[in-house]
Amino acid sequence: MVKGPLLLEIGLHPQVASATSTAMILFTSSATTIQFIVLGMLPYDYAAWYGAVGFVGGIVGQLGLSYLIRRFRKTAFVLFVIAGVIGVSGSVMGVLGVRDILNHGFRGFRSLCYNV
């Protein structure tokens, strides 16, 4: 979520910034997935489900955004998508944080492990 706006700020074209940040995320998530596979910690049923949903979502998003850019000849749709993802993610994190505080109280800044 940080890479896209940062690349836009340094002057990259919106489509280039989006593709570059997506490639970075692909490499990072691939490395993490390989680590989980090597350690035997990857539940394959979840991986298949999330992989399929992510693949279909990526195809639909790519085709939809390409259609909008071609039809209206505006690359601003890429900026709107990036801003929307950041806005929704920030809102959801805030709501979940408040819900966690209401349900469990403020835990402070300490270890996330309960037995420590």
N, C-alpha and C. Protein backbone atom coordinates (compact mmCIF):
# COMPACT_ATOMS: atom_id res chain seq x y z
N MET A 1 0.81 -1.19 0.00
CA MET A 1 0.00 0.00 0.00
C MET A 1 0.85 1.26 0.00
N VAL A 2 2.09 1.14 0.37
CA VAL A 2 2.96 2.30 0.42
C VAL A 2 3.67 2.51 -0.91
N LYS A 3 3.97 1.43 -1.59
CA LYS A 3 4.78 1.52 -2.81
C LYS A 3 4.08 2.29 -3.92
N GLY A 4 2.80 2.03 -4.15
CA GLY A 4 2.07 2.69 -5.23
C GLY A 4 2.07 4.20 -5.11
N PRO A 5 1.61 4.75 -3.98
CA PRO A 5 1.64 6.20 -3.84
C PRO A 5 3.05 6.79 -3.87
N LEU A 6 4.01 6.06 -3.34
CA LEU A 6 5.39 6.54 -3.36
C LEU A 6 5.91 6.64 -4.79
N LEU A 7 5.63 5.64 -5.61
CA LEU A 7 6.05 5.67 -7.01
C LEU A 7 5.33 6.78 -7.76
N LEU A 8 4.07 7.02 -7.44
CA LEU A 8 3.35 8.13 -8.07
C LEU A 8 3.95 9.47 -7.67
N GLU A 9 4.35 9.57 -6.42
CA GLU A 9 4.92 10.82 -5.93
C GLU A 9 6.23 11.18 -6.62
N ILE A 10 7.02 10.17 -6.98
CA ILE A 10 8.29 10.47 -7.65
C ILE A 10 8.12 10.67 -9.15
N GLY A 11 6.86 10.62 -9.62
CA GLY A 11 6.58 11.01 -10.99
C GLY A 11 6.35 9.90 -11.99
N LEU A 12 6.20 8.67 -11.56
CA LEU A 12 5.93 7.58 -12.50
C LEU A 12 4.50 7.69 -13.03
N HIS A 13 4.32 7.23 -14.24
CA HIS A 13 2.99 7.16 -14.85
C HIS A 13 2.14 6.21 -14.01
N PRO A 14 0.84 6.50 -13.80
CA PRO A 14 0.02 5.66 -12.93
C PRO A 14 0.03 4.18 -13.29
N GLN A 15 -0.02 3.85 -14.58
CA GLN A 15 -0.03 2.44 -14.96
C GLN A 15 1.31 1.78 -14.67
N VAL A 16 2.41 2.52 -14.85
CA VAL A 16 3.74 1.97 -14.55
C VAL A 16 3.89 1.78 -13.04
N ALA A 17 3.42 2.75 -12.26
CA ALA A 17 3.50 2.63 -10.80
C ALA A 17 2.69 1.44 -10.30
N SER A 18 1.51 1.26 -10.87
CA SER A 18 0.67 0.13 -10.46
C SER A 18 1.31 -1.20 -10.83
N ALA A 19 1.84 -1.30 -12.04
CA ALA A 19 2.48 -2.55 -12.48
C ALA A 19 3.73 -2.84 -11.66
N THR A 20 4.51 -1.81 -11.36
CA THR A 20 5.74 -2.00 -10.59
C THR A 20 5.43 -2.45 -9.17
N SER A 21 4.47 -1.80 -8.52
CA SER A 21 4.13 -2.20 -7.15
C SER A 21 3.51 -3.59 -7.13
N THR A 22 2.75 -3.94 -8.16
CA THR A 22 2.19 -5.28 -8.24
C THR A 22 3.28 -6.33 -8.40
N ALA A 23 4.29 -6.03 -9.21
CA ALA A 23 5.40 -6.97 -9.38
C ALA A 23 6.17 -7.15 -8.07
N MET A 24 6.37 -6.06 -7.33
CA MET A 24 7.05 -6.16 -6.04
C MET A 24 6.25 -7.03 -5.07
N ILE A 25 4.94 -6.84 -5.04
CA ILE A 25 4.09 -7.64 -4.16
C ILE A 25 4.12 -9.11 -4.58
N LEU A 26 4.13 -9.37 -5.89
CA LEU A 26 4.19 -10.74 -6.38
C LEU A 26 5.46 -11.44 -5.89
N PHE A 27 6.61 -10.77 -6.00
CA PHE A 27 7.86 -11.38 -5.55
C PHE A 27 7.87 -11.60 -4.04
N THR A 28 7.37 -10.63 -3.29
CA THR A 28 7.34 -10.77 -1.83
C THR A 28 6.42 -11.91 -1.40
N SER A 29 5.22 -11.95 -1.97
CA SER A 29 4.28 -13.01 -1.58
C SER A 29 4.74 -14.38 -2.06
N SER A 30 5.40 -14.44 -3.21
CA SER A 30 5.93 -15.72 -3.69
C SER A 30 7.02 -16.25 -2.76
N ALA A 31 7.90 -15.36 -2.31
CA ALA A 31 8.96 -15.78 -1.39
C ALA A 31 8.37 -16.30 -0.08
N THR A 32 7.35 -15.61 0.42
CA THR A 32 6.71 -16.04 1.66
C THR A 32 6.00 -17.38 1.47
N THR A 33 5.33 -17.56 0.34
CA THR A 33 4.65 -18.82 0.06
C THR A 33 5.64 -19.97 -0.01
N ILE A 34 6.77 -19.75 -0.66
CA ILE A 34 7.80 -20.79 -0.75
C ILE A 34 8.33 -21.14 0.63
N GLN A 35 8.51 -20.14 1.49
CA GLN A 35 8.96 -20.42 2.86
C GLN A 35 7.95 -21.29 3.60
N PHE A 36 6.67 -20.98 3.47
CA PHE A 36 5.64 -21.78 4.13
C PHE A 36 5.61 -23.20 3.58
N ILE A 37 5.79 -23.37 2.27
CA ILE A 37 5.81 -24.71 1.68
C ILE A 37 7.00 -25.50 2.20
N VAL A 38 8.18 -24.88 2.23
CA VAL A 38 9.39 -25.56 2.70
C VAL A 38 9.25 -25.99 4.16
N LEU A 39 8.62 -25.15 4.97
CA LEU A 39 8.46 -25.46 6.40
C LEU A 39 7.26 -26.37 6.67
N GLY A 40 6.50 -26.71 5.63
CA GLY A 40 5.35 -27.58 5.81
C GLY A 40 4.20 -26.93 6.54
N MET A 41 4.09 -25.63 6.47
CA MET A 41 3.06 -24.90 7.21
C MET A 41 1.93 -24.37 6.32
N LEU A 42 1.90 -24.78 5.06
CA LEU A 42 0.89 -24.26 4.14
C LEU A 42 -0.29 -25.22 4.04
N PRO A 43 -1.48 -24.79 4.48
CA PRO A 43 -2.66 -25.63 4.27
C PRO A 43 -3.09 -25.53 2.80
N TYR A 44 -2.94 -26.62 2.07
CA TYR A 44 -3.12 -26.58 0.62
C TYR A 44 -4.55 -26.28 0.20
N ASP A 45 -5.53 -26.67 1.01
CA ASP A 45 -6.91 -26.36 0.63
C ASP A 45 -7.17 -24.85 0.67
N TYR A 46 -6.66 -24.18 1.71
CA TYR A 46 -6.79 -22.73 1.77
C TYR A 46 -5.98 -22.06 0.66
N ALA A 47 -4.80 -22.56 0.42
CA ALA A 47 -3.95 -21.98 -0.62
C ALA A 47 -4.62 -22.06 -1.98
N ALA A 48 -5.24 -23.20 -2.29
CA ALA A 48 -5.92 -23.36 -3.58
C ALA A 48 -7.12 -22.41 -3.67
N TRP A 49 -7.89 -22.32 -2.59
CA TRP A 49 -9.05 -21.45 -2.60
C TRP A 49 -8.65 -19.99 -2.76
N TYR A 50 -7.73 -19.51 -1.93
CA TYR A 50 -7.32 -18.12 -2.02
C TYR A 50 -6.59 -17.82 -3.32
N GLY A 51 -5.84 -18.78 -3.81
CA GLY A 51 -5.17 -18.61 -5.10
C GLY A 51 -6.16 -18.45 -6.24
N ALA A 52 -7.20 -19.28 -6.24
CA ALA A 52 -8.22 -19.20 -7.29
C ALA A 52 -8.99 -17.89 -7.21
N VAL A 53 -9.39 -17.49 -6.01
CA VAL A 53 -10.12 -16.24 -5.85
C VAL A 53 -9.24 -15.05 -6.25
N GLY A 54 -7.99 -15.07 -5.85
CA GLY A 54 -7.07 -14.00 -6.22
C GLY A 54 -6.84 -13.93 -7.72
N PHE A 55 -6.72 -15.10 -8.36
CA PHE A 55 -6.51 -15.14 -9.81
C PHE A 55 -7.71 -14.58 -10.55
N VAL A 56 -8.91 -15.02 -10.17
CA VAL A 56 -10.12 -14.53 -10.83
C VAL A 56 -10.30 -13.03 -10.57
N GLY A 57 -10.06 -12.61 -9.33
CA GLY A 57 -10.16 -11.19 -9.01
C GLY A 57 -9.16 -10.35 -9.80
N GLY A 58 -7.96 -10.86 -9.96
CA GLY A 58 -6.96 -10.15 -10.74
C GLY A 58 -7.34 -10.02 -12.20
N ILE A 59 -7.87 -11.10 -12.77
CA ILE A 59 -8.30 -11.07 -14.17
C ILE A 59 -9.46 -10.08 -14.35
N VAL A 60 -10.46 -10.16 -13.47
CA VAL A 60 -11.61 -9.26 -13.57
C VAL A 60 -11.16 -7.80 -13.39
N GLY A 61 -10.30 -7.55 -12.41
CA GLY A 61 -9.81 -6.19 -12.20
C GLY A 61 -9.00 -5.67 -13.37
N GLN A 62 -8.13 -6.51 -13.91
CA GLN A 62 -7.31 -6.10 -15.05
C GLN A 62 -8.16 -5.80 -16.28
N LEU A 63 -9.09 -6.70 -16.59
CA LEU A 63 -9.94 -6.49 -17.76
C LEU A 63 -10.87 -5.28 -17.57
N GLY A 64 -11.42 -5.15 -16.37
CA GLY A 64 -12.31 -4.02 -16.10
C GLY A 64 -11.59 -2.69 -16.17
N LEU A 65 -10.42 -2.61 -15.56
CA LEU A 65 -9.67 -1.36 -15.57
C LEU A 65 -9.16 -1.04 -16.98
N SER A 66 -8.72 -2.05 -17.71
CA SER A 66 -8.28 -1.82 -19.09
C SER A 66 -9.44 -1.30 -19.95
N TYR A 67 -10.62 -1.86 -19.74
CA TYR A 67 -11.80 -1.41 -20.49
C TYR A 67 -12.10 0.06 -20.18
N LEU A 68 -12.09 0.43 -18.90
CA LEU A 68 -12.38 1.82 -18.52
C LEU A 68 -11.35 2.78 -19.08
N ILE A 69 -10.08 2.39 -19.04
CA ILE A 69 -9.02 3.26 -19.55
C ILE A 69 -9.16 3.43 -21.06
N ARG A 70 -9.45 2.34 -21.78
CA ARG A 70 -9.63 2.44 -23.24
C ARG A 70 -10.87 3.25 -23.61
N ARG A 71 -11.94 3.03 -22.89
CA ARG A 71 -13.20 3.69 -23.24
C ARG A 71 -13.16 5.19 -22.98
N PHE A 72 -12.65 5.58 -21.81
CA PHE A 72 -12.68 6.99 -21.43
C PHE A 72 -11.36 7.71 -21.67
N ARG A 73 -10.32 6.97 -22.07
CA ARG A 73 -9.00 7.53 -22.35
C ARG A 73 -8.45 8.33 -21.16
N LYS A 74 -8.67 7.79 -19.97
CA LYS A 74 -8.19 8.42 -18.73
C LYS A 74 -7.46 7.38 -17.90
N THR A 75 -6.24 7.69 -17.51
CA THR A 75 -5.50 6.78 -16.64
C THR A 75 -5.77 7.06 -15.16
N ALA A 76 -6.63 8.04 -14.89
CA ALA A 76 -6.93 8.40 -13.51
C ALA A 76 -7.64 7.27 -12.78
N PHE A 77 -8.23 6.33 -13.51
CA PHE A 77 -8.90 5.20 -12.86
C PHE A 77 -7.91 4.40 -12.01
N VAL A 78 -6.67 4.31 -12.46
CA VAL A 78 -5.65 3.60 -11.69
C VAL A 78 -5.44 4.30 -10.35
N LEU A 79 -5.38 5.63 -10.39
CA LEU A 79 -5.22 6.39 -9.15
C LEU A 79 -6.41 6.19 -8.22
N PHE A 80 -7.61 6.16 -8.79
CA PHE A 80 -8.80 5.96 -7.97
C PHE A 80 -8.81 4.58 -7.32
N VAL A 81 -8.36 3.58 -8.05
CA VAL A 81 -8.30 2.23 -7.49
C VAL A 81 -7.29 2.17 -6.35
N ILE A 82 -6.11 2.75 -6.56
CA ILE A 82 -5.08 2.76 -5.51
C ILE A 82 -5.60 3.50 -4.28
N ALA A 83 -6.20 4.68 -4.50
CA ALA A 83 -6.74 5.46 -3.38
C ALA A 83 -7.86 4.71 -2.67
N GLY A 84 -8.71 4.03 -3.44
CA GLY A 84 -9.80 3.26 -2.84
C GLY A 84 -9.31 2.11 -1.99
N VAL A 85 -8.31 1.39 -2.49
CA VAL A 85 -7.75 0.27 -1.72
C VAL A 85 -7.13 0.77 -0.42
N ILE A 86 -6.39 1.86 -0.50
CA ILE A 86 -5.77 2.42 0.71
C ILE A 86 -6.84 2.91 1.68
N GLY A 87 -7.86 3.58 1.17
CA GLY A 87 -8.93 4.08 2.03
C GLY A 87 -9.71 2.97 2.71
N VAL A 88 -10.10 1.96 1.95
CA VAL A 88 -10.85 0.83 2.52
C VAL A 88 -9.99 0.07 3.52
N SER A 89 -8.73 -0.16 3.19
CA SER A 89 -7.84 -0.88 4.10
C SER A 89 -7.65 -0.12 5.41
N GLY A 90 -7.43 1.18 5.31
CA GLY A 90 -7.28 1.98 6.52
C GLY A 90 -8.54 1.98 7.37
N SER A 91 -9.70 2.08 6.72
CA SER A 91 -10.97 2.06 7.45
C SER A 91 -11.19 0.73 8.15
N VAL A 92 -10.95 -0.36 7.44
CA VAL A 92 -11.15 -1.69 8.03
C VAL A 92 -10.19 -1.91 9.19
N MET A 93 -8.93 -1.48 9.04
CA MET A 93 -7.98 -1.62 10.14
C MET A 93 -8.43 -0.82 11.36
N GLY A 94 -8.95 0.38 11.14
CA GLY A 94 -9.45 1.18 12.24
C GLY A 94 -10.63 0.54 12.94
N VAL A 95 -11.59 0.04 12.17
CA VAL A 95 -12.77 -0.61 12.75
C VAL A 95 -12.37 -1.86 13.52
N LEU A 96 -11.49 -2.68 12.95
CA LEU A 96 -11.05 -3.89 13.65
C LEU A 96 -10.27 -3.55 14.91
N GLY A 97 -9.48 -2.49 14.87
CA GLY A 97 -8.74 -2.06 16.06
C GLY A 97 -9.66 -1.62 17.18
N VAL A 98 -10.68 -0.83 16.83
CA VAL A 98 -11.64 -0.38 17.84
C VAL A 98 -12.43 -1.57 18.38
N ARG A 99 -12.84 -2.49 17.50
CA ARG A 99 -13.57 -3.68 17.95
C ARG A 99 -12.72 -4.52 18.90
N ASP A 100 -11.44 -4.66 18.57
CA ASP A 100 -10.54 -5.44 19.43
C ASP A 100 -10.39 -4.78 20.79
N ILE A 101 -10.28 -3.46 20.82
CA ILE A 101 -10.16 -2.75 22.10
C ILE A 101 -11.44 -2.89 22.91
N LEU A 102 -12.60 -2.79 22.25
CA LEU A 102 -13.87 -2.94 22.97
C LEU A 102 -14.07 -4.35 23.51
N ASN A 103 -13.64 -5.36 22.76
CA ASN A 103 -13.83 -6.75 23.19
C ASN A 103 -12.79 -7.22 24.20
N HIS A 104 -11.55 -6.78 24.06
CA HIS A 104 -10.47 -7.31 24.88
C HIS A 104 -9.75 -6.25 25.71
N GLY A 105 -10.11 -5.00 25.57
CA GLY A 105 -9.41 -3.94 26.27
C GLY A 105 -8.12 -3.58 25.56
N PHE A 106 -7.54 -2.48 25.97
CA PHE A 106 -6.28 -2.05 25.35
C PHE A 106 -5.15 -2.93 25.86
N ARG A 107 -4.46 -3.56 24.96
CA ARG A 107 -3.40 -4.50 25.35
C ARG A 107 -2.04 -3.84 25.49
N GLY A 108 -1.93 -2.60 25.11
CA GLY A 108 -0.66 -1.91 25.22
C GLY A 108 0.35 -2.42 24.22
N PHE A 109 1.55 -1.97 24.37
CA PHE A 109 2.62 -2.38 23.48
C PHE A 109 3.46 -3.43 24.20
N ARG A 110 3.16 -4.68 23.92
CA ARG A 110 3.87 -5.79 24.54
C ARG A 110 3.90 -6.94 23.56
N SER A 111 4.41 -8.05 24.00
CA SER A 111 4.52 -9.22 23.14
C SER A 111 3.14 -9.70 22.70
N LEU A 112 3.04 -10.14 21.46
CA LEU A 112 1.78 -10.67 20.96
C LEU A 112 1.54 -12.09 21.45
N CYS A 113 2.58 -12.75 21.95
CA CYS A 113 2.44 -14.11 22.46
C CYS A 113 1.83 -14.05 23.86
N TYR A 114 0.85 -14.89 24.12
CA TYR A 114 0.15 -14.85 25.41
C TYR A 114 0.95 -15.47 26.54
N ASN A 115 1.83 -16.42 26.25
CA ASN A 115 2.56 -17.13 27.29
C ASN A 115 3.84 -16.44 27.72
N VAL A 116 4.16 -15.32 27.14
CA VAL A 116 5.43 -14.66 27.45
C VAL A 116 5.22 -13.67 28.56
